[in-house]
Amino acid sequence: MKALQEKLWNVAVPLYLKQNAMASAAARQILEETYKLEFLYGGLENRQVAIIHHVRLQAKALQLVLMARTRRGVEPLLSVCEKFLQEVDAFQRCFASELPHFQDSFVEKLLELMPRLVACKPVDLVKILQTTLRQSGFLHLKLPEQIHRATATIIEPTGESDNPLRFTSGLVVALDVDATLEHVQDPQTSVKVQVLYPDGQAHVIHPKPGDFLKSPGL
């Protein structure tokens, strides 16, 4: 959270350019951590998921400010601004019941300014985001004691077999996958297997319900 806490974007351009790499890396790391928290852990309550999304919006706003400071022209910003506003609107729809707990927060200020944000130019939107980031703090995220991390350990194939699987292009071939899943919610819906081919292509496969076996005693 260093980039947001220390307002690394809110400095003179010569100084800013020296800190651009650090601020950009910090924004990417914040986004990565929010996705890990949301999708790799189970037991989160709706309010905690909302706070995670709130931090993600702040990180994306920071990225937008950084992009505006380092790129010339309006066109590159236009689509990014539109997507950001769509995500703010999606937050309001997905977490409407939690909004009373977000008083004086970053997202509440954005929602109050939404009519103005939709109508303004990208450059003006970036200025508003910069001001709103400067005036906004962080919501405390308290994780529950029963939180647990979802894991998937592939036992076979290892990728180091002496007998590689050979197949003819266009023909169906069976691929046995032995993996252990722990704390994965609704695996028959959420689990997918990605197969990488020698030519660099990737194919995502959705296992059938009968492919999942429950360990004895669970």
C-alpha atoms as a PDB file:
ATOM      1  CA  MET A   1       0.000   0.000   0.000  1.00  0.00           C
ATOM      2  CA  LYS A   2       3.080   2.232   0.020  1.00  0.00           C
ATOM      3  CA  ALA A   3       2.257   3.977  -3.272  1.00  0.00           C
ATOM      4  CA  LEU A   4      -1.190   4.953  -2.039  1.00  0.00           C
ATOM      5  CA  GLN A   5      -0.177   5.833   1.508  1.00  0.00           C
ATOM      6  CA  GLU A   6       2.783   8.034   0.549  1.00  0.00           C
ATOM      7  CA  LYS A   7       0.967   9.700  -2.380  1.00  0.00           C
ATOM      8  CA  LEU A   8       3.779   8.888  -4.830  1.00  0.00           C
ATOM      9  CA  TRP A   9       1.807  10.350  -7.740  1.00  0.00           C
ATOM     10  CA  ASN A  10       1.336  13.718  -6.039  1.00  0.00           C
ATOM     11  CA  VAL A  11       4.775  15.229  -6.658  1.00  0.00           C
ATOM     12  CA  ALA A  12       6.450  17.386  -9.276  1.00  0.00           C
ATOM     13  CA  VAL A  13       7.033  15.710 -12.631  1.00  0.00           C
ATOM     14  CA  PRO A  14      10.888  15.506 -12.400  1.00  0.00           C
ATOM     15  CA  LEU A  15      10.585  13.813  -9.014  1.00  0.00           C
ATOM     16  CA  TYR A  16       7.652  11.742 -10.155  1.00  0.00           C
ATOM     17  CA  LEU A  17       9.538  10.245 -13.080  1.00  0.00           C
ATOM     18  CA  LYS A  18      12.116   8.832 -10.689  1.00  0.00           C
ATOM     19  CA  GLN A  19       9.398   7.131  -8.675  1.00  0.00           C
ATOM     20  CA  ASN A  20       7.262   5.965 -11.595  1.00  0.00           C
ATOM     21  CA  ALA A  21       8.645   2.422 -11.662  1.00  0.00           C
ATOM     22  CA  MET A  22       8.139   1.944  -7.927  1.00  0.00           C
ATOM     23  CA  ALA A  23       4.614   3.349  -7.951  1.00  0.00           C
ATOM     24  CA  SER A  24       3.594   1.253 -10.967  1.00  0.00           C
ATOM     25  CA  ALA A  25       5.032  -1.897  -9.399  1.00  0.00           C
ATOM     26  CA  ALA A  26       3.225  -1.127  -6.138  1.00  0.00           C
ATOM     27  CA  ALA A  27      -0.114  -0.738  -7.950  1.00  0.00           C
ATOM     28  CA  ARG A  28       0.381  -4.058  -9.733  1.00  0.00           C
ATOM     29  CA  GLN A  29       1.259  -5.767  -6.467  1.00  0.00           C
ATOM     30  CA  ILE A  30      -1.833  -4.361  -4.758  1.00  0.00           C
ATOM     31  CA  LEU A  31      -4.018  -5.718  -7.558  1.00  0.00           C
ATOM     32  CA  GLU A  32      -2.329  -9.110  -7.399  1.00  0.00           C
ATOM     33  CA  GLU A  33      -2.837  -9.360  -3.637  1.00  0.00           C
ATOM     34  CA  THR A  34      -6.529  -8.448  -3.896  1.00  0.00           C
ATOM     35  CA  TYR A  35      -7.113 -11.215  -6.444  1.00  0.00           C
ATOM     36  CA  LYS A  36      -5.257 -13.692  -4.233  1.00  0.00           C
ATOM     37  CA  LEU A  37      -7.361 -12.738  -1.218  1.00  0.00           C
ATOM     38  CA  GLU A  38     -10.620 -13.030  -3.142  1.00  0.00           C
ATOM     39  CA  PHE A  39     -10.009 -16.225  -5.097  1.00  0.00           C
ATOM     40  CA  LEU A  40      -7.435 -18.232  -3.127  1.00  0.00           C
ATOM     41  CA  TYR A  41      -9.108 -18.021   0.273  1.00  0.00           C
ATOM     42  CA  GLY A  42     -12.425 -19.339   1.526  1.00  0.00           C
ATOM     43  CA  GLY A  43     -14.512 -18.231   4.490  1.00  0.00           C
ATOM     44  CA  LEU A  44     -14.633 -14.523   3.612  1.00  0.00           C
ATOM     45  CA  GLU A  45     -17.801 -12.627   4.410  1.00  0.00           C
ATOM     46  CA  ASN A  46     -19.485 -10.348   1.887  1.00  0.00           C
ATOM     47  CA  ARG A  47     -18.257  -7.187   3.622  1.00  0.00           C
ATOM     48  CA  GLN A  48     -14.680  -8.418   3.531  1.00  0.00           C
ATOM     49  CA  VAL A  49     -14.978  -9.169  -0.185  1.00  0.00           C
ATOM     50  CA  ALA A  50     -16.380  -5.652  -0.666  1.00  0.00           C
ATOM     51  CA  ILE A  51     -13.366  -4.129   1.120  1.00  0.00           C
ATOM     52  CA  ILE A  52     -11.042  -6.149  -1.109  1.00  0.00           C
ATOM     53  CA  HIS A  53     -12.851  -4.802  -4.183  1.00  0.00           C
ATOM     54  CA  HIS A  54     -12.613  -1.297  -2.712  1.00  0.00           C
ATOM     55  CA  VAL A  55      -8.827  -1.554  -2.406  1.00  0.00           C
ATOM     56  CA  ARG A  56      -8.720  -2.918  -5.966  1.00  0.00           C
ATOM     57  CA  LEU A  57     -10.576   0.165  -7.203  1.00  0.00           C
ATOM     58  CA  GLN A  58      -8.059   2.402  -5.444  1.00  0.00           C
ATOM     59  CA  ALA A  59      -5.186   0.529  -7.080  1.00  0.00           C
ATOM     60  CA  LYS A  60      -6.788   0.804 -10.518  1.00  0.00           C
ATOM     61  CA  ALA A  61      -7.372   4.510  -9.962  1.00  0.00           C
ATOM     62  CA  LEU A  62      -3.683   4.860  -9.094  1.00  0.00           C
ATOM     63  CA  GLN A  63      -2.756   3.034 -12.303  1.00  0.00           C
ATOM     64  CA  LEU A  64      -4.968   5.410 -14.268  1.00  0.00           C
ATOM     65  CA  VAL A  65      -3.292   8.444 -12.702  1.00  0.00           C
ATOM     66  CA  LEU A  66       0.145   7.001 -13.474  1.00  0.00           C
ATOM     67  CA  MET A  67      -0.858   6.297 -17.073  1.00  0.00           C
ATOM     68  CA  ALA A  68      -2.078   9.857 -17.534  1.00  0.00           C
ATOM     69  CA  ARG A  69       1.194  11.241 -16.200  1.00  0.00           C
ATOM     70  CA  THR A  70       3.393   9.145 -18.485  1.00  0.00           C
ATOM     71  CA  ARG A  71       1.434   8.916 -21.765  1.00  0.00           C
ATOM     72  CA  ARG A  72       0.523  11.637 -24.201  1.00  0.00           C
ATOM     73  CA  GLY A  73      -2.815  12.056 -25.898  1.00  0.00           C
ATOM     74  CA  VAL A  74      -6.403  11.415 -24.876  1.00  0.00           C
ATOM     75  CA  GLU A  75      -7.161   8.285 -26.894  1.00  0.00           C
ATOM     76  CA  PRO A  76      -5.146   5.833 -24.735  1.00  0.00           C
ATOM     77  CA  LEU A  77      -7.009   7.080 -21.657  1.00  0.00           C
ATOM     78  CA  LEU A  78     -10.516   7.044 -23.075  1.00  0.00           C
ATOM     79  CA  SER A  79     -11.175   3.294 -23.002  1.00  0.00           C
ATOM     80  CA  VAL A  80      -9.408   2.882 -19.659  1.00  0.00           C
ATOM     81  CA  CYS A  81     -11.535   5.620 -18.092  1.00  0.00           C
ATOM     82  CA  GLU A  82     -14.733   4.070 -19.430  1.00  0.00           C
ATOM     83  CA  LYS A  83     -13.794   0.656 -18.046  1.00  0.00           C
ATOM     84  CA  PHE A  84     -12.929   2.147 -14.659  1.00  0.00           C
ATOM     85  CA  LEU A  85     -16.315   3.881 -14.400  1.00  0.00           C
ATOM     86  CA  GLN A  86     -18.022   0.610 -15.324  1.00  0.00           C
ATOM     87  CA  GLU A  87     -16.194  -1.089 -12.447  1.00  0.00           C
ATOM     88  CA  VAL A  88     -17.286   1.632 -10.021  1.00  0.00           C
ATOM     89  CA  ASP A  89     -20.887   1.122 -11.160  1.00  0.00           C
ATOM     90  CA  ALA A  90     -20.497  -2.658 -10.814  1.00  0.00           C
ATOM     91  CA  PHE A  91     -19.232  -2.183  -7.243  1.00  0.00           C
ATOM     92  CA  GLN A  92     -22.383  -0.229  -6.400  1.00  0.00           C
ATOM     93  CA  ARG A  93     -24.617  -2.951  -7.828  1.00  0.00           C
ATOM     94  CA  CYS A  94     -22.751  -5.923  -6.324  1.00  0.00           C
ATOM     95  CA  PHE A  95     -22.262  -4.477  -2.848  1.00  0.00           C
ATOM     96  CA  ALA A  96     -25.311  -2.229  -2.444  1.00  0.00           C
ATOM     97  CA  SER A  97     -26.068  -3.726   0.990  1.00  0.00           C
ATOM     98  CA  GLU A  98     -22.551  -2.896   2.208  1.00  0.00           C
ATOM     99  CA  LEU A  99     -22.447   0.743   1.060  1.00  0.00           C
ATOM    100  CA  PRO A 100     -23.669   2.118   4.439  1.00  0.00           C
ATOM    101  CA  HIS A 101     -20.394   0.779   5.902  1.00  0.00           C
ATOM    102  CA  PHE A 102     -18.319   2.692   3.336  1.00  0.00           C
ATOM    103  CA  GLN A 103     -19.048   6.193   4.585  1.00  0.00           C
ATOM    104  CA  ASP A 104     -16.455   8.796   3.609  1.00  0.00           C
ATOM    105  CA  SER A 105     -14.573   6.163   1.629  1.00  0.00           C
ATOM    106  CA  PHE A 106     -12.980   6.395  -1.799  1.00  0.00           C
ATOM    107  CA  VAL A 107     -15.851   4.636  -3.526  1.00  0.00           C
ATOM    108  CA  GLU A 108     -18.537   6.664  -1.744  1.00  0.00           C
ATOM    109  CA  LYS A 109     -16.913   9.889  -2.953  1.00  0.00           C
ATOM    110  CA  LEU A 110     -16.753   8.519  -6.488  1.00  0.00           C
ATOM    111  CA  LEU A 111     -20.416   7.506  -6.433  1.00  0.00           C
ATOM    112  CA  GLU A 112     -21.386  10.998  -5.280  1.00  0.00           C
ATOM    113  CA  LEU A 113     -19.443  12.418  -8.240  1.00  0.00           C
ATOM    114  CA  MET A 114     -20.654   9.786 -10.729  1.00  0.00           C
ATOM    115  CA  PRO A 115     -22.887  12.095 -12.851  1.00  0.00           C
ATOM    116  CA  ARG A 116     -19.958  14.467 -13.237  1.00  0.00           C
ATOM    117  CA  LEU A 117     -17.446  11.700 -13.896  1.00  0.00           C
ATOM    118  CA  VAL A 118     -19.529  10.174 -16.684  1.00  0.00           C
ATOM    119  CA  ALA A 119     -19.759  13.506 -18.492  1.00  0.00           C
ATOM    120  CA  CYS A 120     -16.225  14.853 -18.029  1.00  0.00           C
ATOM    121  CA  LYS A 121     -13.184  14.418 -20.241  1.00  0.00           C
ATOM    122  CA  PRO A 122     -10.485  11.820 -19.383  1.00  0.00           C
ATOM    123  CA  VAL A 123      -8.032  14.514 -18.288  1.00  0.00           C
ATOM    124  CA  ASP A 124     -10.578  15.970 -15.870  1.00  0.00           C
ATOM    125  CA  LEU A 125     -11.488  12.495 -14.622  1.00  0.00           C
ATOM    126  CA  VAL A 126      -7.844  11.816 -13.805  1.00  0.00           C
ATOM    127  CA  LYS A 127      -7.619  15.076 -11.840  1.00  0.00           C
ATOM    128  CA  ILE A 128     -10.702  14.126  -9.827  1.00  0.00           C
ATOM    129  CA  LEU A 129      -9.282  10.658  -9.129  1.00  0.00           C
ATOM    130  CA  GLN A 130      -6.007  12.166  -7.978  1.00  0.00           C
ATOM    131  CA  THR A 131      -7.795  14.500  -5.579  1.00  0.00           C
ATOM    132  CA  THR A 132     -10.085  11.739  -4.306  1.00  0.00           C
ATOM    133  CA  LEU A 133      -7.165   9.364  -3.721  1.00  0.00           C
ATOM    134  CA  ARG A 134      -5.374  12.096  -1.792  1.00  0.00           C
ATOM    135  CA  GLN A 135      -8.385  12.671   0.438  1.00  0.00           C
ATOM    136  CA  SER A 136      -9.250   9.015   1.017  1.00  0.00           C
ATOM    137  CA  GLY A 137      -7.882   6.590   3.553  1.00  0.00           C
ATOM    138  CA  PHE A 138      -8.001   2.818   3.814  1.00  0.00           C
ATOM    139  CA  LEU A 139     -10.731   0.601   5.148  1.00  0.00           C
ATOM    140  CA  HIS A 140      -9.527  -1.863   7.746  1.00  0.00           C
ATOM    141  CA  LEU A 141      -9.761  -5.463   6.575  1.00  0.00           C
ATOM    142  CA  LYS A 142     -10.181  -7.858   9.480  1.00  0.00           C
ATOM    143  CA  LEU A 143      -9.976 -11.457   8.312  1.00  0.00           C
ATOM    144  CA  PRO A 144     -12.076 -14.137  10.065  1.00  0.00           C
ATOM    145  CA  GLU A 145     -10.418 -16.874  12.102  1.00  0.00           C
ATOM    146  CA  GLN A 146     -11.958 -19.609   9.942  1.00  0.00           C
ATOM    147  CA  ILE A 147     -10.337 -18.354   6.747  1.00  0.00           C
ATOM    148  CA  HIS A 148      -8.489 -21.024   4.787  1.00  0.00           C
ATOM    149  CA  ARG A 149      -6.455 -21.050   1.608  1.00  0.00           C
ATOM    150  CA  ALA A 150      -7.541 -23.123  -1.381  1.00  0.00           C
ATOM    151  CA  THR A 151      -4.798 -25.254  -2.924  1.00  0.00           C
ATOM    152  CA  ALA A 152      -4.448 -27.591  -5.896  1.00  0.00           C
ATOM    153  CA  THR A 153      -1.449 -29.934  -6.048  1.00  0.00           C
ATOM    154  CA  ILE A 154      -0.869 -31.765  -9.339  1.00  0.00           C
ATOM    155  CA  ILE A 155       0.595 -35.234  -8.723  1.00  0.00           C
ATOM    156  CA  GLU A 156       0.421 -36.516 -12.299  1.00  0.00           C
ATOM    157  CA  PRO A 157       1.483 -35.639 -14.926  1.00  0.00           C
ATOM    158  CA  THR A 158       4.735 -34.207 -13.616  1.00  0.00           C
ATOM    159  CA  GLY A 159       5.977 -32.877 -16.934  1.00  0.00           C
ATOM    160  CA  GLU A 160       9.173 -34.878 -16.579  1.00  0.00           C
ATOM    161  CA  SER A 161       8.033 -38.276 -17.868  1.00  0.00           C
ATOM    162  CA  ASP A 162      10.438 -40.466 -19.866  1.00  0.00           C
ATOM    163  CA  ASN A 163       7.470 -41.416 -22.050  1.00  0.00           C
ATOM    164  CA  PRO A 164       5.889 -38.198 -23.310  1.00  0.00           C
ATOM    165  CA  LEU A 165       2.299 -38.380 -24.472  1.00  0.00           C
ATOM    166  CA  ARG A 166       2.158 -38.470 -28.270  1.00  0.00           C
ATOM    167  CA  PHE A 167      -0.932 -37.615 -30.268  1.00  0.00           C
ATOM    168  CA  THR A 168      -2.035 -36.735 -33.783  1.00  0.00           C
ATOM    169  CA  SER A 169      -3.361 -33.242 -34.433  1.00  0.00           C
ATOM    170  CA  GLY A 170      -7.148 -33.238 -34.701  1.00  0.00           C
ATOM    171  CA  LEU A 171      -7.640 -36.533 -32.876  1.00  0.00           C
ATOM    172  CA  VAL A 172      -8.913 -36.979 -29.315  1.00  0.00           C
ATOM    173  CA  VAL A 173      -6.452 -38.288 -26.726  1.00  0.00           C
ATOM    174  CA  ALA A 174      -7.024 -39.145 -23.056  1.00  0.00           C
ATOM    175  CA  LEU A 175      -5.015 -37.228 -20.460  1.00  0.00           C
ATOM    176  CA  ASP A 176      -5.022 -38.607 -16.917  1.00  0.00           C
ATOM    177  CA  VAL A 177      -4.715 -35.913 -14.268  1.00  0.00           C
ATOM    178  CA  ASP A 178      -4.183 -36.790 -10.613  1.00  0.00           C
ATOM    179  CA  ALA A 179      -4.460 -33.775  -8.333  1.00  0.00           C
ATOM    180  CA  THR A 180      -5.313 -33.064  -4.701  1.00  0.00           C
ATOM    181  CA  LEU A 181      -7.692 -30.186  -3.971  1.00  0.00           C
ATOM    182  CA  GLU A 182      -8.027 -28.648  -0.521  1.00  0.00           C
ATOM    183  CA  HIS A 183     -10.561 -26.032   0.629  1.00  0.00           C
ATOM    184  CA  VAL A 184     -11.839 -25.512  -2.914  1.00  0.00           C
ATOM    185  CA  GLN A 185     -15.453 -24.384  -2.863  1.00  0.00           C
ATOM    186  CA  ASP A 186     -17.713 -26.067  -5.431  1.00  0.00           C
ATOM    187  CA  PRO A 187     -14.834 -27.729  -7.346  1.00  0.00           C
ATOM    188  CA  GLN A 188     -17.117 -29.258  -9.982  1.00  0.00           C
ATOM    189  CA  THR A 189     -17.944 -25.734 -11.120  1.00  0.00           C
ATOM    190  CA  SER A 190     -14.795 -23.762 -10.326  1.00  0.00           C
ATOM    191  CA  VAL A 191     -11.958 -26.131 -11.263  1.00  0.00           C
ATOM    192  CA  LYS A 192     -10.538 -26.110 -14.774  1.00  0.00           C
ATOM    193  CA  VAL A 193      -7.427 -27.752 -16.237  1.00  0.00           C
ATOM    194  CA  GLN A 194      -5.183 -25.879 -18.661  1.00  0.00           C
ATOM    195  CA  VAL A 195      -3.194 -27.970 -21.151  1.00  0.00           C
ATOM    196  CA  LEU A 196      -0.166 -26.415 -22.850  1.00  0.00           C
ATOM    197  CA  TYR A 197       0.834 -27.841 -26.222  1.00  0.00           C
ATOM    198  CA  PRO A 198       4.350 -27.937 -27.739  1.00  0.00           C
ATOM    199  CA  ASP A 199       3.420 -25.237 -30.266  1.00  0.00           C
ATOM    200  CA  GLY A 200       2.625 -22.811 -27.434  1.00  0.00           C
ATOM    201  CA  GLN A 201      -1.165 -23.042 -27.663  1.00  0.00           C
ATOM    202  CA  ALA A 202      -3.249 -23.550 -24.533  1.00  0.00           C
ATOM    203  CA  HIS A 203      -6.558 -25.354 -24.062  1.00  0.00           C
ATOM    204  CA  VAL A 204      -8.742 -25.056 -20.963  1.00  0.00           C
ATOM    205  CA  ILE A 205     -10.699 -28.196 -20.056  1.00  0.00           C
ATOM    206  CA  HIS A 206     -13.636 -28.363 -17.634  1.00  0.00           C
ATOM    207  CA  PRO A 207     -13.550 -31.794 -15.879  1.00  0.00           C
ATOM    208  CA  LYS A 208     -16.794 -33.730 -15.641  1.00  0.00           C
ATOM    209  CA  PRO A 209     -18.445 -34.229 -12.217  1.00  0.00           C
ATOM    210  CA  GLY A 210     -17.489 -37.932 -12.325  1.00  0.00           C
ATOM    211  CA  ASP A 211     -13.819 -36.995 -12.561  1.00  0.00           C
ATOM    212  CA  PHE A 212     -13.833 -35.718  -8.973  1.00  0.00           C
ATOM    213  CA  LEU A 213     -13.283 -38.245  -6.179  1.00  0.00           C
ATOM    214  CA  LYS A 214     -13.831 -37.433  -2.521  1.00  0.00           C
ATOM    215  CA  SER A 215     -11.144 -38.632  -0.147  1.00  0.00           C
ATOM    216  CA  PRO A 216     -12.289 -41.174   2.468  1.00  0.00           C
ATOM    217  CA  GLY A 217     -13.121 -39.623   5.808  1.00  0.00           C
ATOM    218  CA  LEU A 218     -13.953 -36.170   4.356  1.00  0.00           C
END
